N, C-alpha and C. Protein backbone atom coordinates (compact mmCIF):
# COMPACT_ATOMS: atom_id res chain seq x y z
N MET A 1 59.03 -114.31 57.99
CA MET A 1 58.04 -113.45 58.34
C MET A 1 58.07 -112.44 57.05
N THR A 2 57.00 -112.23 56.30
CA THR A 2 57.12 -111.22 55.30
C THR A 2 56.46 -109.89 55.90
N PRO A 3 56.93 -108.59 55.56
CA PRO A 3 56.55 -107.42 55.99
C PRO A 3 54.92 -107.27 55.67
N ARG A 4 54.41 -106.70 56.46
CA ARG A 4 52.94 -106.13 56.32
C ARG A 4 52.78 -105.15 55.25
N LEU A 5 51.90 -105.46 54.28
CA LEU A 5 51.55 -104.75 53.27
C LEU A 5 50.44 -103.90 53.69
N SER A 6 50.31 -102.52 53.26
CA SER A 6 49.21 -101.68 53.49
C SER A 6 48.94 -100.77 52.29
N TRP A 7 47.63 -100.46 52.12
CA TRP A 7 47.20 -99.49 51.03
C TRP A 7 46.01 -98.51 51.52
N ALA A 8 45.98 -97.42 51.17
CA ALA A 8 44.87 -96.45 51.74
C ALA A 8 44.73 -95.62 50.45
N PRO A 9 43.30 -94.99 50.19
CA PRO A 9 43.16 -94.32 49.21
C PRO A 9 43.80 -92.79 49.45
N GLN A 10 44.15 -92.32 47.98
CA GLN A 10 44.83 -91.14 48.12
C GLN A 10 43.90 -90.02 47.56
N ARG A 11 43.99 -88.81 48.10
CA ARG A 11 43.16 -87.58 47.63
C ARG A 11 43.58 -87.39 46.12
N ALA A 12 44.88 -87.39 45.74
CA ALA A 12 45.15 -86.75 44.46
C ALA A 12 44.48 -87.89 43.65
N VAL A 13 44.49 -89.03 43.84
CA VAL A 13 43.88 -90.11 42.84
C VAL A 13 42.37 -89.77 42.66
N PHE A 14 41.65 -89.37 43.81
CA PHE A 14 40.10 -89.16 43.77
C PHE A 14 39.90 -87.80 43.00
N ILE A 15 40.76 -86.87 43.27
CA ILE A 15 40.45 -85.53 42.72
C ILE A 15 40.78 -85.78 41.07
N ARG A 16 41.81 -86.50 40.65
CA ARG A 16 41.89 -86.38 39.20
C ARG A 16 40.66 -87.18 38.52
N ARG A 17 40.19 -88.39 39.23
CA ARG A 17 39.04 -89.22 38.90
C ARG A 17 37.97 -88.43 38.82
N ALA A 18 37.77 -87.76 39.73
CA ALA A 18 36.54 -86.92 39.90
C ALA A 18 36.60 -85.73 38.80
N ALA A 19 37.63 -85.15 38.64
CA ALA A 19 37.76 -84.11 37.28
C ALA A 19 37.57 -84.82 36.16
N ILE A 20 38.07 -85.87 35.81
CA ILE A 20 37.83 -86.43 34.59
C ILE A 20 36.39 -86.79 34.26
N ASN A 21 35.72 -87.54 35.33
CA ASN A 21 34.22 -87.74 35.45
C ASN A 21 33.43 -86.40 35.26
N ALA A 22 33.58 -85.50 35.90
CA ALA A 22 32.90 -84.23 35.79
C ALA A 22 32.95 -83.64 34.37
N GLY A 23 34.35 -83.70 33.77
CA GLY A 23 34.44 -83.10 32.31
C GLY A 23 33.68 -83.90 31.54
N VAL A 24 33.70 -85.28 31.58
CA VAL A 24 33.15 -86.04 30.44
C VAL A 24 31.56 -85.98 30.91
N THR A 25 31.01 -86.04 32.12
CA THR A 25 29.74 -85.84 32.25
C THR A 25 29.16 -84.32 31.76
N PHE A 26 29.94 -83.32 32.05
CA PHE A 26 29.49 -82.14 31.25
C PHE A 26 29.29 -82.08 29.80
N VAL A 27 30.22 -82.67 29.28
CA VAL A 27 30.26 -82.80 27.80
C VAL A 27 29.15 -83.66 27.33
N ILE A 28 28.79 -84.70 27.89
CA ILE A 28 27.80 -85.54 27.50
C ILE A 28 26.50 -84.92 27.75
N LEU A 29 26.14 -84.41 28.90
CA LEU A 29 24.97 -83.57 29.13
C LEU A 29 24.79 -82.44 28.12
N LEU A 30 25.91 -81.73 27.95
CA LEU A 30 25.78 -80.63 26.82
C LEU A 30 25.40 -81.09 25.57
N ALA A 31 25.85 -82.42 24.99
CA ALA A 31 25.72 -82.75 23.88
C ALA A 31 24.40 -83.36 23.69
N LEU A 32 23.90 -83.77 24.77
CA LEU A 32 22.41 -84.39 24.98
C LEU A 32 21.46 -83.13 24.78
N GLY A 33 21.81 -82.21 25.59
CA GLY A 33 20.96 -80.82 25.56
C GLY A 33 20.95 -80.19 24.08
N ILE A 34 22.04 -80.39 23.46
CA ILE A 34 21.98 -79.61 22.19
C ILE A 34 21.30 -80.53 21.27
N ALA A 35 21.41 -81.67 21.30
CA ALA A 35 20.48 -82.63 20.53
C ALA A 35 18.92 -82.28 20.70
N LEU A 36 18.51 -82.26 21.98
CA LEU A 36 17.21 -82.06 22.38
C LEU A 36 16.76 -80.63 21.95
N SER A 37 17.70 -79.65 21.87
CA SER A 37 17.13 -78.18 21.72
C SER A 37 17.16 -78.26 20.23
N LEU A 38 17.76 -78.84 19.35
CA LEU A 38 17.70 -79.08 17.90
C LEU A 38 16.32 -79.81 17.48
N PHE A 39 16.12 -80.84 18.39
CA PHE A 39 14.86 -81.69 17.91
C PHE A 39 13.59 -80.82 18.15
N VAL A 40 13.55 -80.14 19.39
CA VAL A 40 12.26 -79.40 19.66
C VAL A 40 12.48 -77.93 19.42
N ASP A 41 13.30 -77.44 18.94
CA ASP A 41 13.55 -76.08 18.51
C ASP A 41 13.54 -75.25 19.66
N LEU A 42 14.45 -75.35 20.61
CA LEU A 42 14.58 -74.55 21.79
C LEU A 42 15.53 -73.80 21.76
N PRO A 43 15.76 -72.63 22.46
CA PRO A 43 16.89 -71.94 22.64
C PRO A 43 18.10 -72.71 23.41
N ALA A 44 19.20 -72.48 22.85
CA ALA A 44 20.07 -73.15 23.67
C ALA A 44 20.83 -72.44 24.93
N LEU A 45 20.23 -71.27 25.24
CA LEU A 45 20.57 -70.55 26.47
C LEU A 45 20.50 -71.50 27.79
N TRP A 46 19.72 -72.28 28.00
CA TRP A 46 19.41 -73.08 29.03
C TRP A 46 20.33 -74.11 29.18
N LEU A 47 21.17 -74.59 28.31
CA LEU A 47 22.14 -75.76 28.33
C LEU A 47 23.26 -75.74 29.35
N PRO A 48 24.05 -74.60 29.20
CA PRO A 48 25.20 -74.70 29.95
C PRO A 48 25.03 -74.66 31.60
N PRO A 49 23.86 -73.84 32.04
CA PRO A 49 23.51 -73.82 33.51
C PRO A 49 22.95 -75.14 33.71
N THR A 50 22.20 -75.86 33.08
CA THR A 50 21.51 -77.00 33.45
C THR A 50 22.69 -78.07 33.60
N ALA A 51 23.47 -78.34 32.45
CA ALA A 51 24.48 -79.28 32.60
C ALA A 51 25.26 -79.02 33.48
N LEU A 52 25.74 -77.70 34.07
CA LEU A 52 26.61 -77.43 35.27
C LEU A 52 25.91 -77.91 36.44
N LEU A 53 24.79 -77.56 36.57
CA LEU A 53 24.12 -77.88 37.83
C LEU A 53 24.18 -79.39 38.06
N LEU A 54 23.48 -80.15 36.83
CA LEU A 54 23.63 -81.76 37.07
C LEU A 54 25.02 -82.21 37.43
N THR A 55 26.20 -81.67 36.74
CA THR A 55 27.52 -82.16 36.88
C THR A 55 27.76 -81.89 38.30
N ALA A 56 27.36 -80.77 38.79
CA ALA A 56 27.76 -80.53 40.26
C ALA A 56 27.06 -81.23 41.15
N GLY A 57 25.88 -81.96 40.88
CA GLY A 57 25.22 -82.93 41.73
C GLY A 57 26.09 -84.25 41.77
N PHE A 58 26.63 -84.58 40.46
CA PHE A 58 27.46 -85.76 40.38
C PHE A 58 28.80 -85.62 41.50
N LEU A 59 29.20 -84.38 41.19
CA LEU A 59 30.60 -84.13 42.03
C LEU A 59 30.27 -84.04 43.67
N PHE A 60 29.03 -83.66 43.88
CA PHE A 60 28.62 -83.69 45.38
C PHE A 60 28.84 -85.08 45.77
N ASP A 61 28.00 -86.00 44.81
CA ASP A 61 28.04 -87.42 45.39
C ASP A 61 29.38 -88.06 45.49
N ASP A 62 30.10 -87.76 44.57
CA ASP A 62 31.54 -88.09 44.63
C ASP A 62 32.20 -87.64 45.81
N ALA A 63 32.07 -86.68 46.14
CA ALA A 63 32.58 -85.86 47.44
C ALA A 63 32.10 -86.73 48.79
N LEU A 64 30.80 -87.08 48.80
CA LEU A 64 30.34 -87.80 49.87
C LEU A 64 30.89 -89.27 49.92
N ARG A 65 31.17 -89.75 48.63
CA ARG A 65 31.85 -91.27 48.79
C ARG A 65 33.09 -91.15 49.17
N TRP A 66 33.91 -90.06 48.84
CA TRP A 66 35.26 -89.81 49.25
C TRP A 66 35.27 -89.53 50.78
N ARG A 67 34.34 -88.94 51.36
CA ARG A 67 34.29 -88.55 52.63
C ARG A 67 34.05 -89.87 53.41
N ALA A 68 33.16 -90.80 52.89
CA ALA A 68 32.98 -92.12 53.50
C ALA A 68 34.33 -92.90 53.47
N SER A 69 35.00 -92.96 52.53
CA SER A 69 36.00 -93.83 52.22
C SER A 69 37.62 -93.47 52.43
N LYS A 70 37.58 -92.01 52.80
CA LYS A 70 39.22 -91.66 52.91
C LYS A 70 39.93 -92.11 53.98
N TYR A 71 39.12 -92.82 54.89
CA TYR A 71 39.93 -93.25 56.18
C TYR A 71 40.17 -94.67 56.06
N ASP A 72 39.68 -95.50 54.88
CA ASP A 72 39.82 -96.89 54.80
C ASP A 72 41.12 -97.34 54.96
N ARG A 73 41.45 -98.21 55.25
CA ARG A 73 42.87 -98.81 55.26
C ARG A 73 42.71 -100.45 54.95
N TRP A 74 43.45 -100.88 53.85
CA TRP A 74 43.76 -102.27 53.65
C TRP A 74 45.05 -102.74 54.08
N HIS A 75 45.05 -104.01 54.73
CA HIS A 75 46.33 -104.55 55.04
C HIS A 75 46.39 -106.11 54.65
N LEU A 76 47.61 -106.49 54.23
CA LEU A 76 47.56 -107.74 53.78
C LEU A 76 48.53 -108.44 54.89
N ASP A 77 48.05 -109.45 55.84
CA ASP A 77 48.61 -109.87 56.88
C ASP A 77 48.36 -111.36 57.20
N GLU A 78 49.33 -112.23 57.45
CA GLU A 78 48.99 -113.41 57.86
C GLU A 78 47.76 -114.14 57.31
N GLY A 79 47.86 -114.29 55.97
CA GLY A 79 46.87 -115.07 55.29
C GLY A 79 45.40 -114.57 55.12
N HIS A 80 45.53 -113.13 55.40
CA HIS A 80 44.20 -112.45 55.31
C HIS A 80 44.25 -111.08 54.55
N LEU A 81 43.39 -110.43 54.05
CA LEU A 81 43.36 -109.05 53.52
C LEU A 81 42.32 -108.56 54.64
N ILE A 82 42.74 -107.64 55.37
CA ILE A 82 42.30 -106.70 56.53
C ILE A 82 41.80 -105.33 56.31
N HIS A 83 40.57 -105.19 56.24
CA HIS A 83 40.04 -103.85 56.02
C HIS A 83 39.53 -103.22 57.26
N GLU A 84 40.08 -102.00 57.43
CA GLU A 84 39.72 -101.04 58.62
C GLU A 84 39.00 -99.86 58.19
N GLY A 85 37.58 -99.53 58.40
CA GLY A 85 37.01 -98.45 57.89
C GLY A 85 36.49 -97.80 58.96
N ALA A 86 35.38 -97.05 58.58
CA ALA A 86 34.35 -96.32 59.56
C ALA A 86 33.64 -97.29 60.46
N GLU A 87 32.98 -98.28 59.64
CA GLU A 87 32.29 -99.16 60.60
C GLU A 87 33.04 -100.33 61.34
N GLY A 88 34.36 -100.07 61.37
CA GLY A 88 35.06 -101.35 61.94
C GLY A 88 35.92 -102.04 61.11
N SER A 89 36.34 -103.23 61.49
CA SER A 89 37.27 -104.16 60.85
C SER A 89 36.89 -105.17 60.39
N ALA A 90 37.25 -105.71 59.13
CA ALA A 90 36.83 -106.90 58.60
C ALA A 90 38.09 -107.86 57.97
N GLN A 91 37.86 -108.95 57.88
CA GLN A 91 39.09 -110.06 57.53
C GLN A 91 38.42 -110.88 56.46
N ILE A 92 39.23 -110.74 55.41
CA ILE A 92 38.93 -111.66 54.05
C ILE A 92 39.99 -112.78 54.05
N PRO A 93 39.95 -113.79 54.31
CA PRO A 93 40.89 -114.94 54.11
C PRO A 93 41.29 -114.83 52.62
N LEU A 94 42.52 -115.14 52.43
CA LEU A 94 43.17 -115.03 51.00
C LEU A 94 42.51 -116.24 50.26
N ALA A 95 42.26 -117.43 50.77
CA ALA A 95 41.80 -118.48 50.02
C ALA A 95 40.37 -118.13 49.56
N GLU A 96 39.55 -117.32 50.11
CA GLU A 96 38.33 -116.96 49.50
C GLU A 96 38.40 -115.91 48.45
N ILE A 97 39.44 -115.33 47.95
CA ILE A 97 39.65 -114.34 46.75
C ILE A 97 39.86 -115.37 45.72
N ASP A 98 38.99 -115.40 44.74
CA ASP A 98 39.08 -116.09 43.37
C ASP A 98 39.98 -115.43 42.53
N ARG A 99 39.73 -114.12 42.23
CA ARG A 99 40.12 -113.33 41.09
C ARG A 99 40.47 -111.88 41.76
N VAL A 100 41.72 -111.23 41.14
CA VAL A 100 41.91 -109.97 41.46
C VAL A 100 42.20 -109.01 40.24
N PHE A 101 41.55 -107.85 39.97
CA PHE A 101 41.89 -107.34 38.79
C PHE A 101 41.56 -105.76 38.91
N THR A 102 42.05 -104.90 38.00
CA THR A 102 41.94 -103.45 38.32
C THR A 102 40.88 -102.73 37.39
N ARG A 103 40.40 -101.65 37.89
CA ARG A 103 39.44 -100.99 37.19
C ARG A 103 40.01 -99.63 37.00
N MET A 104 39.33 -98.77 35.86
CA MET A 104 39.80 -97.30 35.57
C MET A 104 39.57 -96.53 37.05
N GLY A 105 40.41 -95.73 37.31
CA GLY A 105 40.15 -94.69 38.33
C GLY A 105 40.82 -95.14 39.53
N GLY A 106 41.83 -95.94 39.52
CA GLY A 106 42.74 -96.46 40.68
C GLY A 106 41.94 -97.22 41.43
N HIS A 107 41.06 -98.31 41.04
CA HIS A 107 40.40 -99.28 41.70
C HIS A 107 41.02 -100.85 41.61
N VAL A 108 40.88 -101.36 42.60
CA VAL A 108 41.35 -102.94 42.56
C VAL A 108 40.02 -103.69 42.95
N VAL A 109 39.80 -104.49 42.19
CA VAL A 109 38.58 -105.20 42.48
C VAL A 109 38.92 -106.93 42.86
N LEU A 110 38.21 -107.25 43.97
CA LEU A 110 38.67 -108.58 44.55
C LEU A 110 37.17 -109.33 44.16
N GLU A 111 37.28 -110.41 43.55
CA GLU A 111 36.07 -111.20 43.38
C GLU A 111 36.41 -112.54 44.25
N LEU A 112 35.40 -112.73 45.13
CA LEU A 112 35.47 -113.66 46.15
C LEU A 112 34.82 -115.06 45.36
N THR A 113 35.14 -116.20 46.18
CA THR A 113 34.58 -117.56 45.52
C THR A 113 33.21 -117.40 45.48
N SER A 114 32.64 -116.64 46.37
CA SER A 114 30.92 -116.68 46.62
C SER A 114 30.47 -115.78 45.27
N GLY A 115 31.33 -115.06 44.71
CA GLY A 115 30.83 -114.06 43.40
C GLY A 115 30.73 -112.87 43.88
N GLN A 116 30.73 -112.40 45.22
CA GLN A 116 30.90 -111.13 45.49
C GLN A 116 31.91 -110.44 45.20
N ARG A 117 31.80 -109.20 44.77
CA ARG A 117 32.99 -108.23 44.36
C ARG A 117 33.16 -107.19 45.37
N ILE A 118 34.42 -106.85 45.82
CA ILE A 118 34.81 -105.89 46.65
C ILE A 118 35.89 -104.79 46.01
N ALA A 119 35.54 -103.61 46.10
CA ALA A 119 36.56 -102.69 45.44
C ALA A 119 37.32 -101.98 46.41
N ILE A 120 38.56 -101.90 46.22
CA ILE A 120 39.46 -100.99 46.91
C ILE A 120 39.77 -99.82 46.03
N GLY A 121 39.13 -98.47 46.27
CA GLY A 121 39.07 -97.48 45.49
C GLY A 121 40.43 -96.48 45.74
N ASN A 122 40.62 -95.64 44.73
CA ASN A 122 41.34 -94.42 44.67
C ASN A 122 43.02 -94.86 45.28
N LEU A 123 43.48 -95.89 44.58
CA LEU A 123 44.72 -96.39 44.94
C LEU A 123 45.64 -95.64 43.98
N PRO A 124 46.83 -95.12 44.35
CA PRO A 124 47.81 -94.62 43.41
C PRO A 124 48.46 -95.46 42.46
N PHE A 125 48.66 -96.92 42.91
CA PHE A 125 49.40 -97.98 42.20
C PHE A 125 48.47 -99.23 42.11
N PRO A 126 47.03 -99.06 41.52
CA PRO A 126 46.26 -100.34 41.57
C PRO A 126 47.18 -101.59 40.97
N ARG A 127 47.67 -101.49 39.84
CA ARG A 127 48.26 -102.67 39.28
C ARG A 127 49.29 -103.10 40.24
N LYS A 128 50.15 -102.61 40.83
CA LYS A 128 50.99 -103.10 41.83
C LYS A 128 50.46 -103.65 43.08
N THR A 129 49.25 -103.07 43.54
CA THR A 129 48.50 -103.66 44.48
C THR A 129 47.92 -104.84 44.08
N ALA A 130 47.17 -104.98 43.13
CA ALA A 130 46.62 -106.19 42.45
C ALA A 130 47.57 -107.20 42.46
N GLU A 131 48.74 -106.91 42.03
CA GLU A 131 49.80 -108.05 41.83
C GLU A 131 50.33 -108.62 43.30
N ALA A 132 50.48 -107.59 44.22
CA ALA A 132 50.80 -108.09 45.44
C ALA A 132 49.79 -109.11 46.26
N ILE A 133 48.43 -108.60 45.98
CA ILE A 133 47.36 -109.30 46.60
C ILE A 133 47.44 -110.57 45.94
N ASP A 134 47.44 -110.59 44.74
CA ASP A 134 47.35 -111.97 43.84
C ASP A 134 48.42 -112.86 44.21
N ALA A 135 49.87 -112.32 44.53
CA ALA A 135 50.88 -113.17 44.75
C ALA A 135 50.76 -113.68 46.12
N ALA A 136 50.04 -113.01 47.10
CA ALA A 136 49.92 -113.33 48.47
C ALA A 136 48.93 -114.68 48.27
N ARG A 137 47.84 -114.39 47.55
CA ARG A 137 46.84 -115.37 47.40
C ARG A 137 47.27 -116.56 46.73
N ARG A 138 48.14 -116.57 45.98
CA ARG A 138 48.71 -117.63 45.32
C ARG A 138 49.98 -118.32 46.24
N GLY A 139 50.34 -117.65 47.20
CA GLY A 139 51.21 -118.23 48.28
C GLY A 139 52.54 -117.70 47.67
N GLY A 140 52.77 -116.69 46.82
CA GLY A 140 54.09 -116.41 46.41
C GLY A 140 54.40 -115.31 47.36
N THR A 141 55.76 -114.65 47.27
CA THR A 141 56.28 -113.62 48.00
C THR A 141 55.50 -112.33 47.77
N SER A 142 55.07 -111.68 48.43
CA SER A 142 54.35 -110.31 48.27
C SER A 142 55.29 -109.35 48.46
N GLY A 143 55.49 -108.14 47.81
CA GLY A 143 56.14 -106.95 48.02
C GLY A 143 57.07 -106.55 46.77
């Protein structure tokens, strides 16, 4: 019997990803605002507050997504990947997982044989998580 593997989102990973996204968003919005100001000959005084306000909106959206997913738990047990979240529990048979890969920001993406993609987000070690799920899916030892 193999030990039960379990994963959960981590607050530090979320904060790091949100800070990076906010910084990049602010810089891009500021650059677009500068280009617009130069094109229509407007003063640049409106740029920082507008870029900051829009960036704060994106941060608020990120915080709401974190609030919805912070209690998610994923378990690998007896041929299934089990998700326990706010809406209840769901099981994904390992045989239905076609591919496992990682994305930026601590995300592991499961691509099912049906074509559906499921993301497991804000993980501290996404590569190790993907390898463990892939090894279990292939019937190897996990851990």
